[in-house]
Amino acid sequence: MRDDITLRQFAETISDPTRESSTDSSAALAGSIAAALIAGVCGGALDSCRSEKAEEELTGIRDRALSLRKDLLALVEHGMHAQEAVAASRRAARDGELGDKERLRALLFASEVPLRTAESCHALLNLSLRALGRAGVRHIAEIGTSAAMAFAGVVGGIVAARSVLARIPSGSGIGAEATRKRAERIFREAEAIRTQIIDRVRQHLP
């Protein structure tokens, strides 16, 4: 998928009725919107910035947000490949061409893509918090929205990953338990950052 695709084109792509729905894609879309909002806020704040240090930080936040948006768009493609790999492993296992261990490893691989999506959205939540402290309250609506979209991306990615991991029995010996703990950590940390942002947004409500 091109990294210059517009949000409208992206939304139309994943809402195509002929295309199989994907929670991974929905999470990546939410994160992409969050990234675009953060970059826009920083760009707007730079226009009126009078401090060299603040300008440097805003530029860094903007550039990181745009980089994460590019990563999220790429993860849509990776998600489709991972789903195809799981389907292929399921068929191969059914036909006796693939052992159970290999099938479980394919599932573990498939869980990695939505987890990476969740991690990218977690990073966007951190950027939203930083932007809130640097861009000021006049951008609070955009920052609040970006935080909500980023958290939605975290939730979507974690749900998709846990759905795949649920098909791997405990004690399988392929590292699934560590991946489950990683998913829990991402969600817990993201929820804490979202709470901080919501509290600060409430303080500045008109």
N, C-alpha and C. Protein backbone atom coordinates (compact mmCIF):
# COMPACT_ATOMS: atom_id res chain seq x y z
N MET A 1 0.85 -1.19 0.00
CA MET A 1 0.00 0.00 0.00
C MET A 1 0.88 1.24 0.00
N ARG A 2 0.57 2.23 -0.83
CA ARG A 2 1.37 3.44 -0.93
C ARG A 2 1.30 4.22 0.37
N ASP A 3 2.45 4.87 0.72
CA ASP A 3 2.45 5.64 1.95
C ASP A 3 1.89 7.03 1.75
N ASP A 4 1.50 7.39 0.50
CA ASP A 4 0.91 8.70 0.25
C ASP A 4 -0.61 8.62 0.05
N ILE A 5 -1.18 7.46 0.36
CA ILE A 5 -2.61 7.27 0.20
C ILE A 5 -3.38 8.21 1.13
N THR A 6 -4.49 8.75 0.64
CA THR A 6 -5.28 9.64 1.48
C THR A 6 -6.13 8.83 2.43
N LEU A 7 -6.57 9.48 3.51
CA LEU A 7 -7.43 8.79 4.47
C LEU A 7 -8.74 8.37 3.82
N ARG A 8 -9.25 9.19 2.90
CA ARG A 8 -10.49 8.82 2.20
C ARG A 8 -10.28 7.55 1.38
N GLN A 9 -9.17 7.47 0.64
CA GLN A 9 -8.90 6.26 -0.15
C GLN A 9 -8.72 5.05 0.75
N PHE A 10 -8.05 5.25 1.88
CA PHE A 10 -7.84 4.16 2.83
C PHE A 10 -9.16 3.66 3.38
N ALA A 11 -10.03 4.59 3.77
CA ALA A 11 -11.34 4.21 4.31
C ALA A 11 -12.17 3.47 3.27
N GLU A 12 -12.10 3.93 2.03
CA GLU A 12 -12.86 3.26 0.96
C GLU A 12 -12.33 1.86 0.71
N THR A 13 -11.00 1.70 0.84
CA THR A 13 -10.39 0.39 0.61
C THR A 13 -10.86 -0.63 1.63
N ILE A 14 -10.82 -0.26 2.92
CA ILE A 14 -11.17 -1.26 3.94
C ILE A 14 -12.68 -1.43 4.09
N SER A 15 -13.47 -0.51 3.52
CA SER A 15 -14.92 -0.67 3.59
C SER A 15 -15.49 -1.31 2.34
N ASP A 16 -14.62 -1.74 1.43
CA ASP A 16 -15.05 -2.40 0.21
C ASP A 16 -15.80 -3.68 0.57
N PRO A 17 -17.09 -3.84 0.15
CA PRO A 17 -17.86 -5.02 0.55
C PRO A 17 -17.33 -6.32 -0.04
N THR A 18 -16.48 -6.22 -1.08
CA THR A 18 -15.92 -7.43 -1.68
C THR A 18 -14.66 -7.88 -0.97
N ARG A 19 -14.19 -7.08 -0.01
CA ARG A 19 -12.96 -7.39 0.69
C ARG A 19 -13.28 -7.90 2.08
N GLU A 20 -12.56 -8.94 2.47
CA GLU A 20 -12.77 -9.51 3.82
C GLU A 20 -12.42 -8.47 4.87
N SER A 21 -13.30 -8.30 5.88
CA SER A 21 -13.06 -7.30 6.92
C SER A 21 -11.86 -7.70 7.77
N SER A 22 -11.19 -6.71 8.31
CA SER A 22 -10.00 -6.96 9.11
C SER A 22 -9.91 -5.97 10.25
N THR A 23 -9.87 -6.49 11.47
CA THR A 23 -9.69 -5.62 12.62
C THR A 23 -8.35 -4.91 12.54
N ASP A 24 -7.33 -5.61 11.97
CA ASP A 24 -6.02 -4.99 11.81
C ASP A 24 -6.13 -3.71 11.00
N SER A 25 -6.87 -3.75 9.90
CA SER A 25 -7.02 -2.59 9.03
C SER A 25 -7.75 -1.47 9.75
N SER A 26 -8.78 -1.81 10.50
CA SER A 26 -9.54 -0.80 11.24
C SER A 26 -8.66 -0.11 12.27
N ALA A 27 -7.84 -0.89 12.97
CA ALA A 27 -6.94 -0.33 13.97
C ALA A 27 -5.91 0.58 13.31
N ALA A 28 -5.39 0.14 12.17
CA ALA A 28 -4.40 0.95 11.46
C ALA A 28 -5.02 2.24 10.94
N LEU A 29 -6.26 2.18 10.50
CA LEU A 29 -6.95 3.39 10.03
C LEU A 29 -7.11 4.38 11.17
N ALA A 30 -7.54 3.89 12.33
CA ALA A 30 -7.69 4.77 13.50
C ALA A 30 -6.36 5.43 13.85
N GLY A 31 -5.29 4.64 13.85
CA GLY A 31 -3.98 5.18 14.15
C GLY A 31 -3.52 6.18 13.12
N SER A 32 -3.83 5.94 11.86
CA SER A 32 -3.43 6.86 10.79
C SER A 32 -4.12 8.21 10.95
N ILE A 33 -5.39 8.19 11.34
CA ILE A 33 -6.11 9.44 11.59
C ILE A 33 -5.47 10.18 12.76
N ALA A 34 -5.14 9.44 13.81
CA ALA A 34 -4.49 10.06 14.97
C ALA A 34 -3.17 10.70 14.57
N ALA A 35 -2.38 9.99 13.77
CA ALA A 35 -1.09 10.51 13.34
C ALA A 35 -1.25 11.78 12.51
N ALA A 36 -2.24 11.78 11.61
CA ALA A 36 -2.48 12.97 10.78
C ALA A 36 -2.89 14.16 11.63
N LEU A 37 -3.72 13.92 12.64
CA LEU A 37 -4.16 15.01 13.52
C LEU A 37 -2.98 15.58 14.32
N ILE A 38 -2.15 14.69 14.86
CA ILE A 38 -1.00 15.15 15.64
C ILE A 38 -0.05 15.98 14.77
N ALA A 39 0.22 15.47 13.57
CA ALA A 39 1.12 16.20 12.66
C ALA A 39 0.54 17.57 12.31
N GLY A 40 -0.78 17.62 12.10
CA GLY A 40 -1.43 18.88 11.79
C GLY A 40 -1.37 19.87 12.93
N VAL A 41 -1.58 19.39 14.15
CA VAL A 41 -1.50 20.25 15.33
C VAL A 41 -0.10 20.85 15.46
N CYS A 42 0.90 20.00 15.30
CA CYS A 42 2.28 20.47 15.43
C CYS A 42 2.62 21.47 14.33
N GLY A 43 2.14 21.21 13.12
CA GLY A 43 2.38 22.14 12.03
C GLY A 43 1.76 23.50 12.30
N GLY A 44 0.53 23.48 12.84
CA GLY A 44 -0.14 24.73 13.17
C GLY A 44 0.55 25.48 14.29
N ALA A 45 1.02 24.73 15.30
CA ALA A 45 1.70 25.36 16.42
C ALA A 45 3.04 25.94 16.02
N LEU A 46 3.69 25.32 15.03
CA LEU A 46 4.99 25.82 14.57
C LEU A 46 4.88 27.20 13.94
N ASP A 47 3.72 27.49 13.34
CA ASP A 47 3.52 28.79 12.68
C ASP A 47 3.63 29.95 13.67
N SER A 48 3.23 29.69 14.92
CA SER A 48 3.26 30.76 15.93
C SER A 48 4.31 30.53 17.00
N CYS A 49 5.21 29.59 16.76
CA CYS A 49 6.22 29.23 17.76
C CYS A 49 7.33 30.29 17.80
N ARG A 50 7.72 30.69 19.01
CA ARG A 50 8.77 31.71 19.17
C ARG A 50 9.97 31.21 19.95
N SER A 51 9.92 29.96 20.33
CA SER A 51 11.02 29.37 21.09
C SER A 51 11.72 28.32 20.24
N GLU A 52 13.03 28.40 20.19
CA GLU A 52 13.79 27.43 19.39
C GLU A 52 13.63 26.02 19.95
N LYS A 53 13.64 25.91 21.28
CA LYS A 53 13.47 24.60 21.90
C LYS A 53 12.09 24.01 21.61
N ALA A 54 11.05 24.85 21.71
CA ALA A 54 9.69 24.39 21.42
C ALA A 54 9.55 24.01 19.96
N GLU A 55 10.17 24.78 19.09
CA GLU A 55 10.12 24.48 17.65
C GLU A 55 10.78 23.14 17.35
N GLU A 56 11.89 22.88 18.01
CA GLU A 56 12.58 21.61 17.81
C GLU A 56 11.73 20.44 18.28
N GLU A 57 11.07 20.60 19.43
CA GLU A 57 10.24 19.52 19.96
C GLU A 57 9.01 19.29 19.09
N LEU A 58 8.36 20.36 18.67
CA LEU A 58 7.19 20.23 17.81
C LEU A 58 7.54 19.57 16.48
N THR A 59 8.68 19.94 15.94
CA THR A 59 9.13 19.32 14.68
C THR A 59 9.38 17.84 14.88
N GLY A 60 9.99 17.48 16.01
CA GLY A 60 10.24 16.07 16.30
C GLY A 60 8.96 15.27 16.45
N ILE A 61 7.97 15.85 17.14
CA ILE A 61 6.68 15.17 17.32
C ILE A 61 5.99 14.98 15.97
N ARG A 62 5.99 16.05 15.17
CA ARG A 62 5.36 15.97 13.84
C ARG A 62 6.01 14.90 12.98
N ASP A 63 7.33 14.90 12.92
CA ASP A 63 8.04 13.94 12.07
C ASP A 63 7.81 12.51 12.54
N ARG A 64 7.80 12.32 13.86
CA ARG A 64 7.56 10.98 14.40
C ARG A 64 6.14 10.52 14.08
N ALA A 65 5.16 11.42 14.17
CA ALA A 65 3.77 11.07 13.85
C ALA A 65 3.65 10.65 12.39
N LEU A 66 4.30 11.38 11.50
CA LEU A 66 4.23 11.05 10.07
C LEU A 66 4.92 9.72 9.78
N SER A 67 6.01 9.44 10.51
CA SER A 67 6.70 8.17 10.35
C SER A 67 5.82 7.00 10.81
N LEU A 68 5.12 7.20 11.93
CA LEU A 68 4.21 6.16 12.43
C LEU A 68 3.04 5.94 11.49
N ARG A 69 2.55 7.01 10.88
CA ARG A 69 1.47 6.87 9.90
C ARG A 69 1.92 6.00 8.74
N LYS A 70 3.13 6.23 8.27
CA LYS A 70 3.68 5.41 7.19
C LYS A 70 3.77 3.94 7.62
N ASP A 71 4.24 3.71 8.84
CA ASP A 71 4.34 2.34 9.36
C ASP A 71 2.97 1.67 9.42
N LEU A 72 1.97 2.41 9.88
CA LEU A 72 0.62 1.84 10.01
C LEU A 72 0.04 1.46 8.66
N LEU A 73 0.29 2.27 7.65
CA LEU A 73 -0.19 1.94 6.32
C LEU A 73 0.47 0.66 5.80
N ALA A 74 1.77 0.52 6.10
CA ALA A 74 2.47 -0.69 5.69
C ALA A 74 1.95 -1.92 6.44
N LEU A 75 1.53 -1.74 7.69
CA LEU A 75 1.03 -2.86 8.48
C LEU A 75 -0.27 -3.42 7.93
N VAL A 76 -1.02 -2.63 7.18
CA VAL A 76 -2.22 -3.16 6.54
C VAL A 76 -1.84 -4.28 5.58
N GLU A 77 -0.81 -4.04 4.77
CA GLU A 77 -0.34 -5.07 3.84
C GLU A 77 0.19 -6.28 4.59
N HIS A 78 0.99 -6.05 5.62
CA HIS A 78 1.55 -7.16 6.41
C HIS A 78 0.43 -7.98 7.06
N GLY A 79 -0.62 -7.30 7.50
CA GLY A 79 -1.75 -8.00 8.11
C GLY A 79 -2.43 -8.95 7.14
N MET A 80 -2.58 -8.51 5.90
CA MET A 80 -3.19 -9.38 4.90
C MET A 80 -2.32 -10.60 4.63
N HIS A 81 -0.99 -10.40 4.57
CA HIS A 81 -0.09 -11.52 4.34
C HIS A 81 -0.13 -12.50 5.51
N ALA A 82 -0.20 -11.97 6.73
CA ALA A 82 -0.25 -12.83 7.91
C ALA A 82 -1.53 -13.67 7.92
N GLN A 83 -2.66 -13.04 7.56
CA GLN A 83 -3.92 -13.78 7.50
C GLN A 83 -3.85 -14.88 6.45
N GLU A 84 -3.21 -14.57 5.32
CA GLU A 84 -3.06 -15.59 4.26
C GLU A 84 -2.19 -16.74 4.75
N ALA A 85 -1.14 -16.41 5.52
CA ALA A 85 -0.26 -17.45 6.04
C ALA A 85 -1.00 -18.37 7.01
N VAL A 86 -1.87 -17.79 7.85
CA VAL A 86 -2.66 -18.60 8.78
C VAL A 86 -3.62 -19.52 8.02
N ALA A 87 -4.29 -18.96 7.02
CA ALA A 87 -5.22 -19.77 6.22
C ALA A 87 -4.48 -20.90 5.51
N ALA A 88 -3.29 -20.59 4.99
CA ALA A 88 -2.51 -21.60 4.29
C ALA A 88 -2.06 -22.70 5.25
N SER A 89 -1.65 -22.30 6.46
CA SER A 89 -1.20 -23.29 7.44
C SER A 89 -2.35 -24.18 7.89
N ARG A 90 -3.56 -23.58 7.98
CA ARG A 90 -4.73 -24.35 8.37
C ARG A 90 -5.05 -25.41 7.31
N ARG A 91 -4.98 -25.00 6.05
CA ARG A 91 -5.23 -25.95 4.96
C ARG A 91 -4.17 -27.04 4.93
N ALA A 92 -2.91 -26.66 5.12
CA ALA A 92 -1.82 -27.62 5.08
C ALA A 92 -1.93 -28.62 6.23
N ALA A 93 -2.33 -28.12 7.43
CA ALA A 93 -2.50 -29.01 8.58
C ALA A 93 -3.64 -29.98 8.34
N ARG A 94 -4.73 -29.48 7.74
CA ARG A 94 -5.88 -30.34 7.45
C ARG A 94 -5.51 -31.43 6.46
N ASP A 95 -4.64 -31.09 5.51
CA ASP A 95 -4.25 -32.06 4.48
C ASP A 95 -3.07 -32.92 4.91
N GLY A 96 -2.63 -32.75 6.15
CA GLY A 96 -1.53 -33.56 6.66
C GLY A 96 -0.16 -33.14 6.18
N GLU A 97 -0.06 -31.93 5.60
CA GLU A 97 1.21 -31.45 5.06
C GLU A 97 1.98 -30.58 6.06
N LEU A 98 1.37 -30.30 7.18
CA LEU A 98 1.99 -29.41 8.16
C LEU A 98 1.70 -29.92 9.56
N GLY A 99 2.73 -29.95 10.39
CA GLY A 99 2.56 -30.41 11.75
C GLY A 99 1.88 -29.37 12.62
N ASP A 100 1.42 -29.81 13.79
CA ASP A 100 0.71 -28.90 14.69
C ASP A 100 1.60 -27.77 15.17
N LYS A 101 2.88 -28.06 15.41
CA LYS A 101 3.82 -27.06 15.89
C LYS A 101 3.98 -25.94 14.87
N GLU A 102 4.09 -26.29 13.61
CA GLU A 102 4.25 -25.30 12.55
C GLU A 102 3.00 -24.43 12.42
N ARG A 103 1.83 -25.06 12.59
CA ARG A 103 0.57 -24.31 12.52
C ARG A 103 0.50 -23.28 13.64
N LEU A 104 0.92 -23.69 14.84
CA LEU A 104 0.89 -22.77 15.98
C LEU A 104 1.89 -21.63 15.79
N ARG A 105 3.02 -21.92 15.18
CA ARG A 105 3.99 -20.85 14.91
C ARG A 105 3.42 -19.85 13.90
N ALA A 106 2.66 -20.33 12.94
CA ALA A 106 2.04 -19.43 11.97
C ALA A 106 1.03 -18.51 12.67
N LEU A 107 0.32 -19.05 13.66
CA LEU A 107 -0.61 -18.23 14.42
C LEU A 107 0.13 -17.17 15.23
N LEU A 108 1.25 -17.57 15.84
CA LEU A 108 2.04 -16.63 16.62
C LEU A 108 2.55 -15.50 15.73
N PHE A 109 2.98 -15.85 14.52
CA PHE A 109 3.43 -14.85 13.56
C PHE A 109 2.30 -13.89 13.21
N ALA A 110 1.11 -14.44 13.01
CA ALA A 110 -0.04 -13.61 12.65
C ALA A 110 -0.41 -12.64 13.77
N SER A 111 -0.16 -13.01 15.02
CA SER A 111 -0.49 -12.12 16.14
C SER A 111 0.46 -10.93 16.21
N GLU A 112 1.62 -11.05 15.58
CA GLU A 112 2.62 -10.00 15.66
C GLU A 112 2.19 -8.72 14.94
N VAL A 113 1.47 -8.86 13.83
CA VAL A 113 1.09 -7.68 13.05
C VAL A 113 0.12 -6.77 13.83
N PRO A 114 -1.00 -7.29 14.37
CA PRO A 114 -1.86 -6.40 15.15
C PRO A 114 -1.19 -5.88 16.42
N LEU A 115 -0.24 -6.66 16.99
CA LEU A 115 0.49 -6.16 18.15
C LEU A 115 1.37 -4.97 17.77
N ARG A 116 1.99 -5.05 16.61
CA ARG A 116 2.80 -3.92 16.14
C ARG A 116 1.92 -2.71 15.86
N THR A 117 0.72 -2.95 15.37
CA THR A 117 -0.24 -1.86 15.17
C THR A 117 -0.56 -1.21 16.50
N ALA A 118 -0.85 -2.04 17.52
CA ALA A 118 -1.16 -1.51 18.85
C ALA A 118 0.02 -0.74 19.42
N GLU A 119 1.24 -1.22 19.20
CA GLU A 119 2.42 -0.52 19.70
C GLU A 119 2.59 0.84 19.03
N SER A 120 2.32 0.89 17.73
CA SER A 120 2.41 2.17 17.01
C SER A 120 1.38 3.16 17.55
N CYS A 121 0.18 2.68 17.82
CA CYS A 121 -0.87 3.54 18.35
C CYS A 121 -0.56 3.96 19.79
N HIS A 122 0.08 3.08 20.55
CA HIS A 122 0.55 3.42 21.89
C HIS A 122 1.55 4.58 21.80
N ALA A 123 2.45 4.51 20.83
CA ALA A 123 3.42 5.59 20.63
C ALA A 123 2.72 6.89 20.25
N LEU A 124 1.64 6.79 19.48
CA LEU A 124 0.88 7.99 19.11
C LEU A 124 0.19 8.61 20.32
N LEU A 125 -0.23 7.79 21.27
CA LEU A 125 -0.80 8.33 22.51
C LEU A 125 0.25 9.15 23.26
N ASN A 126 1.47 8.64 23.30
CA ASN A 126 2.55 9.40 23.94
C ASN A 126 2.79 10.72 23.22
N LEU A 127 2.72 10.70 21.90
CA LEU A 127 2.90 11.93 21.12
C LEU A 127 1.75 12.91 21.38
N SER A 128 0.53 12.38 21.53
CA SER A 128 -0.61 13.25 21.84
C SER A 128 -0.39 13.96 23.16
N LEU A 129 0.12 13.24 24.16
CA LEU A 129 0.38 13.83 25.47
C LEU A 129 1.46 14.90 25.37
N ARG A 130 2.51 14.60 24.62
CA ARG A 130 3.58 15.58 24.44
C ARG A 130 3.08 16.81 23.68
N ALA A 131 2.26 16.59 22.67
CA ALA A 131 1.73 17.71 21.89
C ALA A 131 0.81 18.58 22.73
N LEU A 132 0.07 17.96 23.63
CA LEU A 132 -0.81 18.71 24.52
C LEU A 132 -0.01 19.66 25.41
N GLY A 133 1.14 19.20 25.86
CA GLY A 133 1.98 20.03 26.71
C GLY A 133 2.70 21.13 25.95
N ARG A 134 2.93 20.90 24.64
CA ARG A 134 3.72 21.85 23.88
C ARG A 134 2.88 22.77 22.99
N ALA A 135 1.79 22.24 22.42
CA ALA A 135 1.00 23.04 21.47
C ALA A 135 0.00 23.96 22.15
N GLY A 136 -0.39 23.63 23.39
CA GLY A 136 -1.30 24.51 24.11
C GLY A 136 -2.76 24.12 23.97
N VAL A 137 -3.59 24.79 24.77
CA VAL A 137 -4.99 24.40 24.88
C VAL A 137 -5.81 24.78 23.64
N ARG A 138 -5.31 25.67 22.82
CA ARG A 138 -6.12 26.03 21.64
C ARG A 138 -6.22 24.88 20.64
N HIS A 139 -5.36 23.88 20.81
CA HIS A 139 -5.42 22.70 19.95
C HIS A 139 -6.02 21.50 20.69
N ILE A 140 -6.72 21.77 21.79
CA ILE A 140 -7.15 20.68 22.66
C ILE A 140 -8.17 19.76 21.98
N ALA A 141 -9.01 20.31 21.11
CA ALA A 141 -10.01 19.46 20.43
C ALA A 141 -9.33 18.43 19.53
N GLU A 142 -8.35 18.89 18.75
CA GLU A 142 -7.64 17.98 17.86
C GLU A 142 -6.83 16.94 18.64
N ILE A 143 -6.18 17.40 19.72
CA ILE A 143 -5.37 16.47 20.50
C ILE A 143 -6.24 15.45 21.22
N GLY A 144 -7.38 15.90 21.74
CA GLY A 144 -8.30 14.96 22.38
C GLY A 144 -8.81 13.92 21.39
N THR A 145 -9.10 14.36 20.17
CA THR A 145 -9.57 13.43 19.14
C THR A 145 -8.46 12.47 18.74
N SER A 146 -7.25 12.99 18.59
CA SER A 146 -6.13 12.11 18.20
C SER A 146 -5.89 11.05 19.26
N ALA A 147 -6.02 11.42 20.54
CA ALA A 147 -5.84 10.45 21.61
C ALA A 147 -6.91 9.37 21.57
N ALA A 148 -8.15 9.78 21.29
CA ALA A 148 -9.25 8.81 21.21
C ALA A 148 -9.03 7.83 20.06
N MET A 149 -8.59 8.36 18.91
CA MET A 149 -8.35 7.49 17.75
C MET A 149 -7.15 6.57 17.99
N ALA A 150 -6.12 7.11 18.62
CA ALA A 150 -4.95 6.28 18.90
C ALA A 150 -5.31 5.14 19.86
N PHE A 151 -6.12 5.45 20.88
CA PHE A 151 -6.51 4.41 21.82
C PHE A 151 -7.40 3.37 21.13
N ALA A 152 -8.25 3.84 20.22
CA ALA A 152 -9.08 2.89 19.45
C ALA A 152 -8.18 1.94 18.66
N GLY A 153 -7.08 2.47 18.12
CA GLY A 153 -6.14 1.62 17.40
C GLY A 153 -5.47 0.61 18.30
N VAL A 154 -5.15 1.03 19.52
CA VAL A 154 -4.58 0.09 20.50
C VAL A 154 -5.57 -1.04 20.78
N VAL A 155 -6.82 -0.65 21.06
CA VAL A 155 -7.84 -1.66 21.38
C VAL A 155 -8.04 -2.62 20.22
N GLY A 156 -8.17 -2.07 19.01
CA GLY A 156 -8.37 -2.92 17.84
C GLY A 156 -7.22 -3.88 17.63
N GLY A 157 -5.99 -3.38 17.77
CA GLY A 157 -4.83 -4.24 17.60
C GLY A 157 -4.74 -5.33 18.66
N ILE A 158 -5.01 -4.96 19.91
CA ILE A 158 -4.95 -5.95 21.00
C ILE A 158 -6.03 -7.01 20.85
N VAL A 159 -7.24 -6.58 20.50
CA VAL A 159 -8.33 -7.55 20.32
C VAL A 159 -7.98 -8.55 19.21
N ALA A 160 -7.46 -8.02 18.08
CA ALA A 160 -7.09 -8.90 16.97
C ALA A 160 -5.98 -9.86 17.37
N ALA A 161 -4.99 -9.36 18.09
CA ALA A 161 -3.88 -10.21 18.51
C ALA A 161 -4.35 -11.28 19.49
N ARG A 162 -5.17 -10.88 20.47
CA ARG A 162 -5.65 -11.85 21.46
C ARG A 162 -6.56 -12.90 20.82
N SER A 163 -7.29 -12.50 19.80
CA SER A 163 -8.16 -13.47 19.10
C SER A 163 -7.33 -14.56 18.44
N VAL A 164 -6.18 -14.18 17.90
CA VAL A 164 -5.29 -15.17 17.29
C VAL A 164 -4.61 -16.00 18.36
N LEU A 165 -4.12 -15.33 19.41
CA LEU A 165 -3.41 -16.04 20.47
C LEU A 165 -4.31 -17.03 21.21
N ALA A 166 -5.61 -16.75 21.23
CA ALA A 166 -6.55 -17.66 21.90
C ALA A 166 -6.57 -19.04 21.25
N ARG A 167 -6.12 -19.12 20.01
CA ARG A 167 -6.10 -20.40 19.31
C ARG A 167 -4.83 -21.19 19.58
N ILE A 168 -3.93 -20.61 20.41
CA ILE A 168 -2.69 -21.30 20.77
C ILE A 168 -2.81 -21.77 22.22
N PRO A 169 -2.79 -23.07 22.46
CA PRO A 169 -2.96 -23.57 23.84
C PRO A 169 -1.83 -23.12 24.75
N SER A 170 -2.14 -22.92 26.02
CA SER A 170 -1.12 -22.59 27.02
C SER A 170 -0.13 -23.74 27.13
N GLY A 171 1.13 -23.39 27.34
CA GLY A 171 2.15 -24.42 27.46
C GLY A 171 2.58 -25.03 26.14
N SER A 172 2.31 -24.32 25.04
CA SER A 172 2.67 -24.86 23.73
C SER A 172 4.17 -24.80 23.48
N GLY A 173 4.86 -23.93 24.25
CA GLY A 173 6.31 -23.87 24.13
C GLY A 173 6.84 -23.09 22.95
N ILE A 174 6.01 -22.20 22.39
CA ILE A 174 6.46 -21.43 21.22
C ILE A 174 6.52 -19.92 21.52
N GLY A 175 6.38 -19.55 22.78
CA GLY A 175 6.48 -18.14 23.15
C GLY A 175 5.18 -17.38 23.20
N ALA A 176 4.06 -18.06 23.14
CA ALA A 176 2.76 -17.38 23.13
C ALA A 176 2.49 -16.67 24.44
N GLU A 177 2.93 -17.23 25.56
CA GLU A 177 2.67 -16.61 26.86
C GLU A 177 3.35 -15.25 26.97
N ALA A 178 4.57 -15.16 26.48
CA ALA A 178 5.28 -13.88 26.50
C ALA A 178 4.57 -12.86 25.62
N THR A 179 4.02 -13.32 24.52
CA THR A 179 3.30 -12.41 23.63
C THR A 179 2.00 -11.93 24.27
N ARG A 180 1.32 -12.81 24.99
CA ARG A 180 0.11 -12.41 25.71
C ARG A 180 0.43 -11.35 26.77
N LYS A 181 1.52 -11.55 27.49
CA LYS A 181 1.92 -10.57 28.50
C LYS A 181 2.28 -9.23 27.85
N ARG A 182 2.91 -9.30 26.69
CA ARG A 182 3.25 -8.08 25.96
C ARG A 182 1.99 -7.32 25.57
N ALA A 183 0.98 -8.05 25.12
CA ALA A 183 -0.29 -7.42 24.74
C ALA A 183 -0.93 -6.74 25.95
N GLU A 184 -0.91 -7.41 27.10
CA GLU A 184 -1.48 -6.84 28.32
C GLU A 184 -0.74 -5.57 28.73
N ARG A 185 0.58 -5.60 28.61
CA ARG A 185 1.38 -4.43 28.99
C ARG A 185 1.06 -3.23 28.09
N ILE A 186 0.97 -3.47 26.80
CA ILE A 186 0.66 -2.39 25.85
C ILE A 186 -0.68 -1.76 26.20
N PHE A 187 -1.69 -2.60 26.45
CA PHE A 187 -3.02 -2.09 26.75
C PHE A 187 -3.02 -1.31 28.06
N ARG A 188 -2.38 -1.85 29.07
CA ARG A 188 -2.36 -1.19 30.39
C ARG A 188 -1.68 0.17 30.32
N GLU A 189 -0.53 0.23 29.65
CA GLU A 189 0.19 1.50 29.54
C GLU A 189 -0.57 2.52 28.69
N ALA A 190 -1.19 2.03 27.61
CA ALA A 190 -1.96 2.93 26.75
C ALA A 190 -3.16 3.51 27.49
N GLU A 191 -3.80 2.68 28.28
CA GLU A 191 -4.96 3.14 29.05
C GLU A 191 -4.56 4.22 30.06
N ALA A 192 -3.38 4.06 30.67
CA ALA A 192 -2.91 5.05 31.64
C ALA A 192 -2.63 6.39 30.96
N ILE A 193 -2.03 6.35 29.77
CA ILE A 193 -1.76 7.60 29.05
C ILE A 193 -3.06 8.25 28.62
N ARG A 194 -4.00 7.46 28.13
CA ARG A 194 -5.29 8.02 27.72
C ARG A 194 -5.97 8.71 28.90
N THR A 195 -5.89 8.11 30.08
CA THR A 195 -6.50 8.71 31.27
C THR A 195 -5.86 10.07 31.58
N GLN A 196 -4.54 10.15 31.46
CA GLN A 196 -3.86 11.43 31.69
C GLN A 196 -4.35 12.50 30.74
N ILE A 197 -4.49 12.12 29.47
CA ILE A 197 -4.92 13.09 28.46
C ILE A 197 -6.35 13.54 28.72
N ILE A 198 -7.23 12.59 29.03
CA ILE A 198 -8.63 12.93 29.31
C ILE A 198 -8.73 13.87 30.50
N ASP A 199 -7.96 13.60 31.55
CA ASP A 199 -7.98 14.47 32.74
C ASP A 199 -7.55 15.89 32.39
N ARG A 200 -6.52 16.01 31.56
CA ARG A 200 -6.04 17.33 31.20
C ARG A 200 -7.00 18.05 30.26
N VAL A 201 -7.64 17.28 29.39
CA VAL A 201 -8.64 17.89 28.49
C VAL A 201 -9.82 18.42 29.30
N ARG A 202 -10.26 17.65 30.30
CA ARG A 202 -11.38 18.08 31.13
C ARG A 202 -11.08 19.38 31.88
N GLN A 203 -9.84 19.55 32.28
CA GLN A 203 -9.45 20.77 33.00
C GLN A 203 -9.62 22.03 32.15
N HIS A 204 -9.58 21.85 30.83
CA HIS A 204 -9.62 23.00 29.95
C HIS A 204 -10.92 23.11 29.15
N LEU A 205 -11.90 22.30 29.52
CA LEU A 205 -13.19 22.40 28.83
C LEU A 205 -13.82 23.76 29.11
N PRO A 206 -14.42 24.41 28.09
CA PRO A 206 -15.03 25.72 28.31
C PRO A 206 -16.27 25.61 29.19
